[in-house]
C-alpha cells in the first residue's frame, strides 16, 4: 500500500481525526483511509448513503416506532396553526 504523508495540518483537523479514531476504536491510519474513501464517494457523486450496522439498526428501530404511532386528528395537528376561514 502507498504511504501518504500529510504536512502542515491544522491542529483542529488533527483533533477531529483523532476523535473519529477514538470513537470507532480505529488506528489513525485506518481512520484516515476510511475518511478518504468516504470523502471521495461524496465528491465523485455516487450519491449512496452508507450506514454501519449499529446505525442501520437504530434507524430501523426509529422507523418502526414511527410506524406504530396512531394516525389521529389530534396528533396530526401538532405544530400546525388553525385555518382562519374568515379571510384577510
PDB file of N, CA and C in Angstrom:
ATOM      1  N   UNK A   1       0.849  -1.174   0.000  1.00  0.00           N
ATOM      2  CA  UNK A   1       0.000   0.000   0.000  1.00  0.00           C
ATOM      3  C   UNK A   1       0.895   1.237   0.000  1.00  0.00           C
ATOM      4  N   UNK A   2       0.462   2.263  -0.659  1.00  0.00           N
ATOM      5  CA  UNK A   2       1.207   3.519  -0.738  1.00  0.00           C
ATOM      6  C   UNK A   2       1.136   4.255   0.592  1.00  0.00           C
ATOM      7  N   UNK A   3       2.255   4.787   1.007  1.00  0.00           N
ATOM      8  CA  UNK A   3       2.295   5.583   2.223  1.00  0.00           C
ATOM      9  C   UNK A   3       1.938   7.021   1.885  1.00  0.00           C
ATOM     10  N   UNK A   4       1.073   7.613   2.682  1.00  0.00           N
ATOM     11  CA  UNK A   4       0.677   9.003   2.479  1.00  0.00           C
ATOM     12  C   UNK A   4       1.146   9.805   3.690  1.00  0.00           C
ATOM     13  N   UNK A   5       1.845  10.891   3.436  1.00  0.00           N
ATOM     14  CA  UNK A   5       2.340  11.762   4.496  1.00  0.00           C
ATOM     15  C   UNK A   5       1.660  13.117   4.326  1.00  0.00           C
ATOM     16  N   UNK A   6       1.107  13.619   5.397  1.00  0.00           N
ATOM     17  CA  UNK A   6       0.439  14.920   5.369  1.00  0.00           C
ATOM     18  C   UNK A   6       1.271  15.922   6.162  1.00  0.00           C
ATOM     19  N   UNK A   7       1.514  17.069   5.563  1.00  0.00           N
ATOM     20  CA  UNK A   7       2.300  18.113   6.213  1.00  0.00           C
ATOM     21  C   UNK A   7       1.403  19.317   6.527  1.00  0.00           C
ATOM     22  N   UNK A   8       1.784  20.071   7.539  1.00  0.00           N
ATOM     23  CA  UNK A   8       1.134  21.346   7.871  1.00  0.00           C
ATOM     24  C   UNK A   8      -0.374  21.212   8.057  1.00  0.00           C
ATOM     25  N   UNK A   9      -0.792  20.215   8.819  1.00  0.00           N
ATOM     26  CA  UNK A   9      -2.221  20.008   9.081  1.00  0.00           C
ATOM     27  C   UNK A   9      -2.630  20.832  10.288  1.00  0.00           C
ATOM     28  N   UNK A  10      -3.724  21.517  10.160  1.00  0.00           N
ATOM     29  CA  UNK A  10      -4.275  22.321  11.244  1.00  0.00           C
ATOM     30  C   UNK A  10      -4.564  21.415  12.448  1.00  0.00           C
ATOM     31  N   UNK A  11      -4.245  21.870  13.634  1.00  0.00           N
ATOM     32  CA  UNK A  11      -4.429  21.068  14.844  1.00  0.00           C
ATOM     33  C   UNK A  11      -5.889  20.705  15.080  1.00  0.00           C
ATOM     34  N   UNK A  12      -6.795  21.580  14.692  1.00  0.00           N
ATOM     35  CA  UNK A  12      -8.222  21.278  14.840  1.00  0.00           C
ATOM     36  C   UNK A  12      -8.589  20.058  13.998  1.00  0.00           C
ATOM     37  N   UNK A  13      -8.068  19.986  12.784  1.00  0.00           N
ATOM     38  CA  UNK A  13      -8.330  18.834  11.920  1.00  0.00           C
ATOM     39  C   UNK A  13      -7.717  17.563  12.503  1.00  0.00           C
ATOM     40  N   UNK A  14      -6.503  17.663  13.033  1.00  0.00           N
ATOM     41  CA  UNK A  14      -5.852  16.515  13.670  1.00  0.00           C
ATOM     42  C   UNK A  14      -6.701  16.012  14.833  1.00  0.00           C
ATOM     43  N   UNK A  15      -7.203  16.928  15.648  1.00  0.00           N
ATOM     44  CA  UNK A  15      -8.035  16.545  16.785  1.00  0.00           C
ATOM     45  C   UNK A  15      -9.328  15.867  16.327  1.00  0.00           C
ATOM     46  N   UNK A  16      -9.925  16.371  15.265  1.00  0.00           N
ATOM     47  CA  UNK A  16     -11.154  15.757  14.741  1.00  0.00           C
ATOM     48  C   UNK A  16     -10.899  14.339  14.260  1.00  0.00           C
ATOM     49  N   UNK A  17      -9.781  14.143  13.569  1.00  0.00           N
ATOM     50  CA  UNK A  17      -9.423  12.809  13.076  1.00  0.00           C
ATOM     51  C   UNK A  17      -9.209  11.863  14.254  1.00  0.00           C
ATOM     52  N   UNK A  18      -8.524  12.342  15.274  1.00  0.00           N
ATOM     53  CA  UNK A  18      -8.277  11.514  16.458  1.00  0.00           C
ATOM     54  C   UNK A  18      -9.581  11.175  17.179  1.00  0.00           C
ATOM     55  N   UNK A  19     -10.532  12.108  17.232  1.00  0.00           N
ATOM     56  CA  UNK A  19     -11.819  11.832  17.865  1.00  0.00           C
ATOM     57  C   UNK A  19     -12.573  10.739  17.118  1.00  0.00           C
ATOM     58  N   UNK A  20     -12.530  10.793  15.792  1.00  0.00           N
ATOM     59  CA  UNK A  20     -13.179   9.750  14.997  1.00  0.00           C
ATOM     60  C   UNK A  20     -12.503   8.412  15.272  1.00  0.00           C
ATOM     61  N   UNK A  21     -11.181   8.400  15.283  1.00  0.00           N
ATOM     62  CA  UNK A  21     -10.431   7.166  15.552  1.00  0.00           C
ATOM     63  C   UNK A  21     -10.790   6.597  16.922  1.00  0.00           C
ATOM     64  N   UNK A  22     -10.822   7.459  17.925  1.00  0.00           N
ATOM     65  CA  UNK A  22     -11.153   7.009  19.280  1.00  0.00           C
ATOM     66  C   UNK A  22     -12.586   6.485  19.362  1.00  0.00           C
ATOM     67  N   UNK A  23     -13.505   7.193  18.732  1.00  0.00           N
ATOM     68  CA  UNK A  23     -14.917   6.794  18.783  1.00  0.00           C
ATOM     69  C   UNK A  23     -15.145   5.445  18.115  1.00  0.00           C
ATOM     70  N   UNK A  24     -14.404   5.166  17.061  1.00  0.00           N
ATOM     71  CA  UNK A  24     -14.586   3.913  16.316  1.00  0.00           C
ATOM     72  C   UNK A  24     -13.656   2.797  16.793  1.00  0.00           C
ATOM     73  N   UNK A  25     -12.661   3.165  17.621  1.00  0.00           N
ATOM     74  CA  UNK A  25     -11.702   2.178  18.061  1.00  0.00           C
ATOM     75  C   UNK A  25     -10.708   1.799  16.970  1.00  0.00           C
ATOM     76  N   UNK A  26     -10.455   2.734  16.055  1.00  0.00           N
ATOM     77  CA  UNK A  26      -9.555   2.503  14.927  1.00  0.00           C
ATOM     78  C   UNK A  26      -8.217   3.165  15.188  1.00  0.00           C
ATOM     79  N   UNK A  27      -7.215   2.727  14.445  1.00  0.00           N
ATOM     80  CA  UNK A  27      -5.934   3.431  14.440  1.00  0.00           C
ATOM     81  C   UNK A  27      -6.090   4.681  13.584  1.00  0.00           C
ATOM     82  N   UNK A  28      -5.182   5.622  13.765  1.00  0.00           N
ATOM     83  CA  UNK A  28      -5.241   6.842  12.961  1.00  0.00           C
ATOM     84  C   UNK A  28      -5.071   6.535  11.465  1.00  0.00           C
ATOM     85  N   UNK A  29      -4.127   5.668  11.067  1.00  0.00           N
ATOM     86  CA  UNK A  29      -4.023   5.365   9.632  1.00  0.00           C
ATOM     87  C   UNK A  29      -5.305   4.743   9.054  1.00  0.00           C
ATOM     88  N   UNK A  30      -5.925   3.829   9.801  1.00  0.00           N
ATOM     89  CA  UNK A  30      -7.180   3.231   9.322  1.00  0.00           C
ATOM     90  C   UNK A  30      -8.268   4.299   9.218  1.00  0.00           C
ATOM     91  N   UNK A  31      -8.306   5.187  10.196  1.00  0.00           N
ATOM     92  CA  UNK A  31      -9.295   6.263  10.183  1.00  0.00           C
ATOM     93  C   UNK A  31      -9.096   7.156   8.965  1.00  0.00           C
ATOM     94  N   UNK A  32      -7.851   7.536   8.690  1.00  0.00           N
ATOM     95  CA  UNK A  32      -7.571   8.384   7.524  1.00  0.00           C
ATOM     96  C   UNK A  32      -7.982   7.697   6.232  1.00  0.00           C
ATOM     97  N   UNK A  33      -7.697   6.407   6.118  1.00  0.00           N
ATOM     98  CA  UNK A  33      -8.093   5.669   4.920  1.00  0.00           C
ATOM     99  C   UNK A  33      -9.610   5.673   4.760  1.00  0.00           C
ATOM    100  N   UNK A  34     -10.318   5.409   5.844  1.00  0.00           N
ATOM    101  CA  UNK A  34     -11.779   5.398   5.796  1.00  0.00           C
ATOM    102  C   UNK A  34     -12.332   6.780   5.429  1.00  0.00           C
ATOM    103  N   UNK A  35     -11.797   7.824   6.056  1.00  0.00           N
ATOM    104  CA  UNK A  35     -12.271   9.180   5.771  1.00  0.00           C
ATOM    105  C   UNK A  35     -11.990   9.574   4.323  1.00  0.00           C
ATOM    106  N   UNK A  36     -10.843   9.192   3.804  1.00  0.00           N
ATOM    107  CA  UNK A  36     -10.525   9.476   2.402  1.00  0.00           C
ATOM    108  C   UNK A  36     -11.489   8.749   1.459  1.00  0.00           C
ATOM    109  N   UNK A  37     -11.733   7.466   1.746  1.00  0.00           N
ATOM    110  CA  UNK A  37     -12.644   6.694   0.890  1.00  0.00           C
ATOM    111  C   UNK A  37     -14.044   7.290   0.894  1.00  0.00           C
ATOM    112  N   UNK A  38     -14.547   7.603   2.094  1.00  0.00           N
ATOM    113  CA  UNK A  38     -15.903   8.149   2.187  1.00  0.00           C
ATOM    114  C   UNK A  38     -15.984   9.541   1.571  1.00  0.00           C
ATOM    115  N   UNK A  39     -14.949  10.347   1.781  1.00  0.00           N
ATOM    116  CA  UNK A  39     -14.923  11.685   1.188  1.00  0.00           C
ATOM    117  C   UNK A  39     -14.892  11.622  -0.332  1.00  0.00           C
ATOM    118  N   UNK A  40     -14.154  10.660  -0.888  1.00  0.00           N
ATOM    119  CA  UNK A  40     -14.127  10.508  -2.344  1.00  0.00           C
ATOM    120  C   UNK A  40     -15.486  10.119  -2.895  1.00  0.00           C
ATOM    121  N   UNK A  41     -16.216   9.283  -2.162  1.00  0.00           N
ATOM    122  CA  UNK A  41     -17.568   8.917  -2.608  1.00  0.00           C
ATOM    123  C   UNK A  41     -18.448  10.164  -2.719  1.00  0.00           C
ATOM    124  N   UNK A  42     -18.301  11.065  -1.767  1.00  0.00           N
ATOM    125  CA  UNK A  42     -19.102  12.297  -1.788  1.00  0.00           C
ATOM    126  C   UNK A  42     -18.739  13.139  -2.997  1.00  0.00           C
ATOM    127  N   UNK A  43     -17.448  13.323  -3.238  1.00  0.00           N
ATOM    128  CA  UNK A  43     -17.017  14.177  -4.338  1.00  0.00           C
ATOM    129  C   UNK A  43     -17.188  13.536  -5.700  1.00  0.00           C
ATOM    130  N   UNK A  44     -17.161  12.222  -5.757  1.00  0.00           N
ATOM    131  CA  UNK A  44     -17.385  11.540  -7.027  1.00  0.00           C
ATOM    132  C   UNK A  44     -18.866  11.476  -7.366  1.00  0.00           C
ATOM    133  N   UNK A  45     -19.694  11.764  -6.396  1.00  0.00           N
ATOM    134  CA  UNK A  45     -21.122  11.879  -6.653  1.00  0.00           C
ATOM    135  C   UNK A  45     -21.873  10.589  -6.841  1.00  0.00           C
ATOM    136  N   UNK A  46     -21.460   9.512  -6.158  1.00  0.00           N
ATOM    137  CA  UNK A  46     -22.234   8.286  -6.310  1.00  0.00           C
ATOM    138  C   UNK A  46     -23.562   8.377  -5.573  1.00  0.00           C
ATOM    139  N   UNK A  47     -23.687   9.312  -4.648  1.00  0.00           N
ATOM    140  CA  UNK A  47     -24.959   9.602  -4.003  1.00  0.00           C
ATOM    141  C   UNK A  47     -25.454   8.572  -3.016  1.00  0.00           C
ATOM    142  N   UNK A  48     -24.707   7.513  -2.800  1.00  0.00           N
ATOM    143  CA  UNK A  48     -25.169   6.491  -1.868  1.00  0.00           C
ATOM    144  C   UNK A  48     -24.849   6.897  -0.443  1.00  0.00           C
ATOM    145  N   UNK A  49     -25.755   6.540   0.448  1.00  0.00           N
ATOM    146  CA  UNK A  49     -25.549   6.766   1.868  1.00  0.00           C
ATOM    147  C   UNK A  49     -25.221   5.421   2.493  1.00  0.00           C
ATOM    148  N   UNK A  50     -24.168   5.390   3.292  1.00  0.00           N
ATOM    149  CA  UNK A  50     -23.740   4.143   3.906  1.00  0.00           C
ATOM    150  C   UNK A  50     -23.836   4.266   5.417  1.00  0.00           C
ATOM    151  N   UNK A  51     -24.474   3.285   6.025  1.00  0.00           N
ATOM    152  CA  UNK A  51     -24.550   3.229   7.479  1.00  0.00           C
ATOM    153  C   UNK A  51     -23.804   1.993   7.949  1.00  0.00           C
ATOM    154  N   UNK A  52     -23.174   2.086   9.125  1.00  0.00           N
ATOM    155  CA  UNK A  52     -22.630   0.857   9.685  1.00  0.00           C
ATOM    156  C   UNK A  52     -23.776   0.111  10.359  1.00  0.00           C
ATOM    157  N   UNK A  53     -23.536  -1.092  10.812  1.00  0.00           N
ATOM    158  CA  UNK A  53     -24.614  -1.942  11.340  1.00  0.00           C
ATOM    159  C   UNK A  53     -25.365  -1.293  12.486  1.00  0.00           C
ATOM    160  N   UNK A  54     -24.654  -0.671  13.425  1.00  0.00           N
ATOM    161  CA  UNK A  54     -25.336  -0.074  14.575  1.00  0.00           C
ATOM    162  C   UNK A  54     -26.222   1.093  14.138  1.00  0.00           C
ATOM    163  N   UNK A  55     -25.761   1.886  13.171  1.00  0.00           N
ATOM    164  CA  UNK A  55     -26.576   2.999  12.672  1.00  0.00           C
ATOM    165  C   UNK A  55     -27.821   2.486  11.956  1.00  0.00           C
ATOM    166  N   UNK A  56     -27.667   1.430  11.193  1.00  0.00           N
ATOM    167  CA  UNK A  56     -28.809   0.848  10.473  1.00  0.00           C
ATOM    168  C   UNK A  56     -29.849   0.327  11.448  1.00  0.00           C
ATOM    169  N   UNK A  57     -29.389  -0.341  12.498  1.00  0.00           N
ATOM    170  CA  UNK A  57     -30.313  -0.884  13.498  1.00  0.00           C
ATOM    171  C   UNK A  57     -31.075   0.225  14.209  1.00  0.00           C
ATOM    172  N   UNK A  58     -30.384   1.305  14.551  1.00  0.00           N
ATOM    173  CA  UNK A  58     -31.037   2.433  15.225  1.00  0.00           C
ATOM    174  C   UNK A  58     -32.070   3.073  14.307  1.00  0.00           C
ATOM    175  N   UNK A  59     -31.714   3.267  13.040  1.00  0.00           N
ATOM    176  CA  UNK A  59     -32.651   3.857  12.081  1.00  0.00           C
ATOM    177  C   UNK A  59     -33.870   2.969  11.886  1.00  0.00           C
ATOM    178  N   UNK A  60     -33.667   1.670  11.758  1.00  0.00           N
ATOM    179  CA  UNK A  60     -34.788   0.745  11.595  1.00  0.00           C
ATOM    180  C   UNK A  60     -35.702   0.773  12.817  1.00  0.00           C
ATOM    181  N   UNK A  61     -35.124   0.830  14.020  1.00  0.00           N
ATOM    182  CA  UNK A  61     -35.923   0.893  15.246  1.00  0.00           C
ATOM    183  C   UNK A  61     -36.731   2.186  15.304  1.00  0.00           C
ATOM    184  N   UNK A  62     -36.112   3.293  14.899  1.00  0.00           N
ATOM    185  CA  UNK A  62     -36.826   4.576  14.913  1.00  0.00           C
ATOM    186  C   UNK A  62     -37.977   4.569  13.914  1.00  0.00           C
ATOM    187  N   UNK A  63     -37.749   4.028  12.730  1.00  0.00           N
ATOM    188  CA  UNK A  63     -38.814   3.950  11.732  1.00  0.00           C
ATOM    189  C   UNK A  63     -39.950   3.044  12.200  1.00  0.00           C
ATOM    190  N   UNK A  64     -39.610   1.933  12.837  1.00  0.00           N
ATOM    191  CA  UNK A  64     -40.637   1.030  13.359  1.00  0.00           C
ATOM    192  C   UNK A  64     -41.460   1.728  14.430  1.00  0.00           C
ATOM    193  N   UNK A  65     -40.805   2.512  15.284  1.00  0.00           N
ATOM    194  CA  UNK A  65     -41.535   3.246  16.322  1.00  0.00           C
ATOM    195  C   UNK A  65     -42.466   4.283  15.704  1.00  0.00           C
ATOM    196  N   UNK A  66     -42.007   4.968  14.663  1.00  0.00           N
ATOM    197  CA  UNK A  66     -42.857   5.960  13.998  1.00  0.00           C
ATOM    198  C   UNK A  66     -44.060   5.309  13.323  1.00  0.00           C
ATOM    199  N   UNK A  67     -43.852   4.118  12.766  1.00  0.00           N
ATOM    200  CA  UNK A  67     -44.959   3.413  12.115  1.00  0.00           C
ATOM    201  C   UNK A  67     -46.030   2.996  13.115  1.00  0.00           C
ATOM    202  N   UNK A  68     -45.643   2.838  14.385  1.00  0.00           N
ATOM    203  CA  UNK A  68     -46.586   2.421  15.413  1.00  0.00           C
ATOM    204  C   UNK A  68     -47.404   3.552  16.013  1.00  0.00           C
ATOM    205  N   UNK A  69     -47.154   4.779  15.606  1.00  0.00           N
ATOM    206  CA  UNK A  69     -47.902   5.927  16.143  1.00  0.00           C
ATOM    207  C   UNK A  69     -49.287   5.953  15.499  1.00  0.00           C
ATOM    208  N   UNK A  70     -50.318   6.019  16.326  1.00  0.00           N
ATOM    209  CA  UNK A  70     -51.672   6.043  15.758  1.00  0.00           C
ATOM    210  C   UNK A  70     -51.904   7.295  14.906  1.00  0.00           C
ATOM    211  N   UNK A  71     -52.654   7.124  13.853  1.00  0.00           N
ATOM    212  CA  UNK A  71     -52.982   8.231  12.953  1.00  0.00           C
ATOM    213  C   UNK A  71     -54.307   8.829  13.413  1.00  0.00           C
ATOM    214  N   UNK A  72     -54.222   9.860  14.233  1.00  0.00           N
ATOM    215  CA  UNK A  72     -55.449  10.508  14.694  1.00  0.00           C
ATOM    216  C   UNK A  72     -55.377  12.002  14.410  1.00  0.00           C
ATOM    217  N   UNK A  73     -56.493  12.630  14.416  1.00  0.00           N
ATOM    218  CA  UNK A  73     -56.568  14.055  14.066  1.00  0.00           C
ATOM    219  C   UNK A  73     -55.790  14.922  15.054  1.00  0.00           C
ATOM    220  N   UNK A  74     -55.769  14.563  16.318  1.00  0.00           N
ATOM    221  CA  UNK A  74     -55.064  15.368  17.312  1.00  0.00           C
ATOM    222  C   UNK A  74     -53.565  15.341  17.111  1.00  0.00           C
ATOM    223  N   UNK A  75     -53.006  14.154  16.934  1.00  0.00           N
ATOM    224  CA  UNK A  75     -51.565  14.029  16.751  1.00  0.00           C
ATOM    225  C   UNK A  75     -51.120  14.680  15.448  1.00  0.00           C
ATOM    226  N   UNK A  76     -51.914  14.536  14.421  1.00  0.00           N
ATOM    227  CA  UNK A  76     -51.564  15.083  13.118  1.00  0.00           C
ATOM    228  C   UNK A  76     -51.552  16.612  13.124  1.00  0.00           C
ATOM    229  N   UNK A  77     -52.206  17.234  14.080  1.00  0.00           N
ATOM    230  CA  UNK A  77     -52.290  18.693  14.128  1.00  0.00           C
ATOM    231  C   UNK A  77     -51.166  19.335  14.936  1.00  0.00           C
ATOM    232  N   UNK A  78     -50.300  18.539  15.545  1.00  0.00           N
ATOM    233  CA  UNK A  78     -49.213  19.098  16.349  1.00  0.00           C
ATOM    234  C   UNK A  78     -48.340  19.988  15.465  1.00  0.00           C
ATOM    235  N   UNK A  79     -48.147  21.210  15.895  1.00  0.00           N
ATOM    236  CA  UNK A  79     -47.287  22.143  15.189  1.00  0.00           C
ATOM    237  C   UNK A  79     -47.961  22.901  14.064  1.00  0.00           C
ATOM    238  N   UNK A  80     -49.239  22.656  13.847  1.00  0.00           N
ATOM    239  CA  UNK A  80     -49.956  23.347  12.771  1.00  0.00           C
ATOM    240  C   UNK A  80     -50.878  24.408  13.364  1.00  0.00           C
ATOM    241  N   UNK A  81     -51.025  25.481  12.628  1.00  0.00           N
ATOM    242  CA  UNK A  81     -51.919  26.552  13.061  1.00  0.00           C
ATOM    243  C   UNK A  81     -53.310  26.281  12.541  1.00  0.00           C
ATOM    244  N   UNK A  82     -54.328  26.668  13.313  1.00  0.00           N
ATOM    245  CA  UNK A  82     -55.691  26.501  12.800  1.00  0.00           C
ATOM    246  C   UNK A  82     -55.936  27.404  11.598  1.00  0.00           C
ATOM    247  N   UNK A  83     -56.745  26.937  10.677  1.00  0.00           N
ATOM    248  CA  UNK A  83     -57.051  27.694   9.459  1.00  0.00           C
ATOM    249  C   UNK A  83     -58.060  28.776   9.820  1.00  0.00           C
ATOM    250  N   UNK A  84     -57.759  30.025   9.442  1.00  0.00           N
ATOM    251  CA  UNK A  84     -58.665  31.136   9.671  1.00  0.00           C
ATOM    252  C   UNK A  84     -59.499  31.312   8.406  1.00  0.00           C
ATOM    253  N   UNK A  85     -60.743  30.852   8.468  1.00  0.00           N
ATOM    254  CA  UNK A  85     -61.600  30.875   7.293  1.00  0.00           C
ATOM    255  C   UNK A  85     -62.289  32.211   7.083  1.00  0.00           C
ATOM    256  N   UNK A  86     -62.100  33.175   7.990  1.00  0.00           N
ATOM    257  CA  UNK A  86     -62.752  34.483   7.825  1.00  0.00           C
ATOM    258  C   UNK A  86     -62.069  35.325   6.768  1.00  0.00           C
ATOM    259  N   UNK A  87     -60.851  34.957   6.391  1.00  0.00           N
ATOM    260  CA  UNK A  87     -60.136  35.692   5.330  1.00  0.00           C
ATOM    261  C   UNK A  87     -59.450  36.914   5.861  1.00  0.00           C
ATOM    262  N   UNK A  88     -58.639  37.546   5.022  1.00  0.00           N
ATOM    263  CA  UNK A  88     -57.895  38.747   5.457  1.00  0.00           C
ATOM    264  C   UNK A  88     -58.750  39.982   5.486  1.00  0.00           C
TER     265      UNK A  88
END
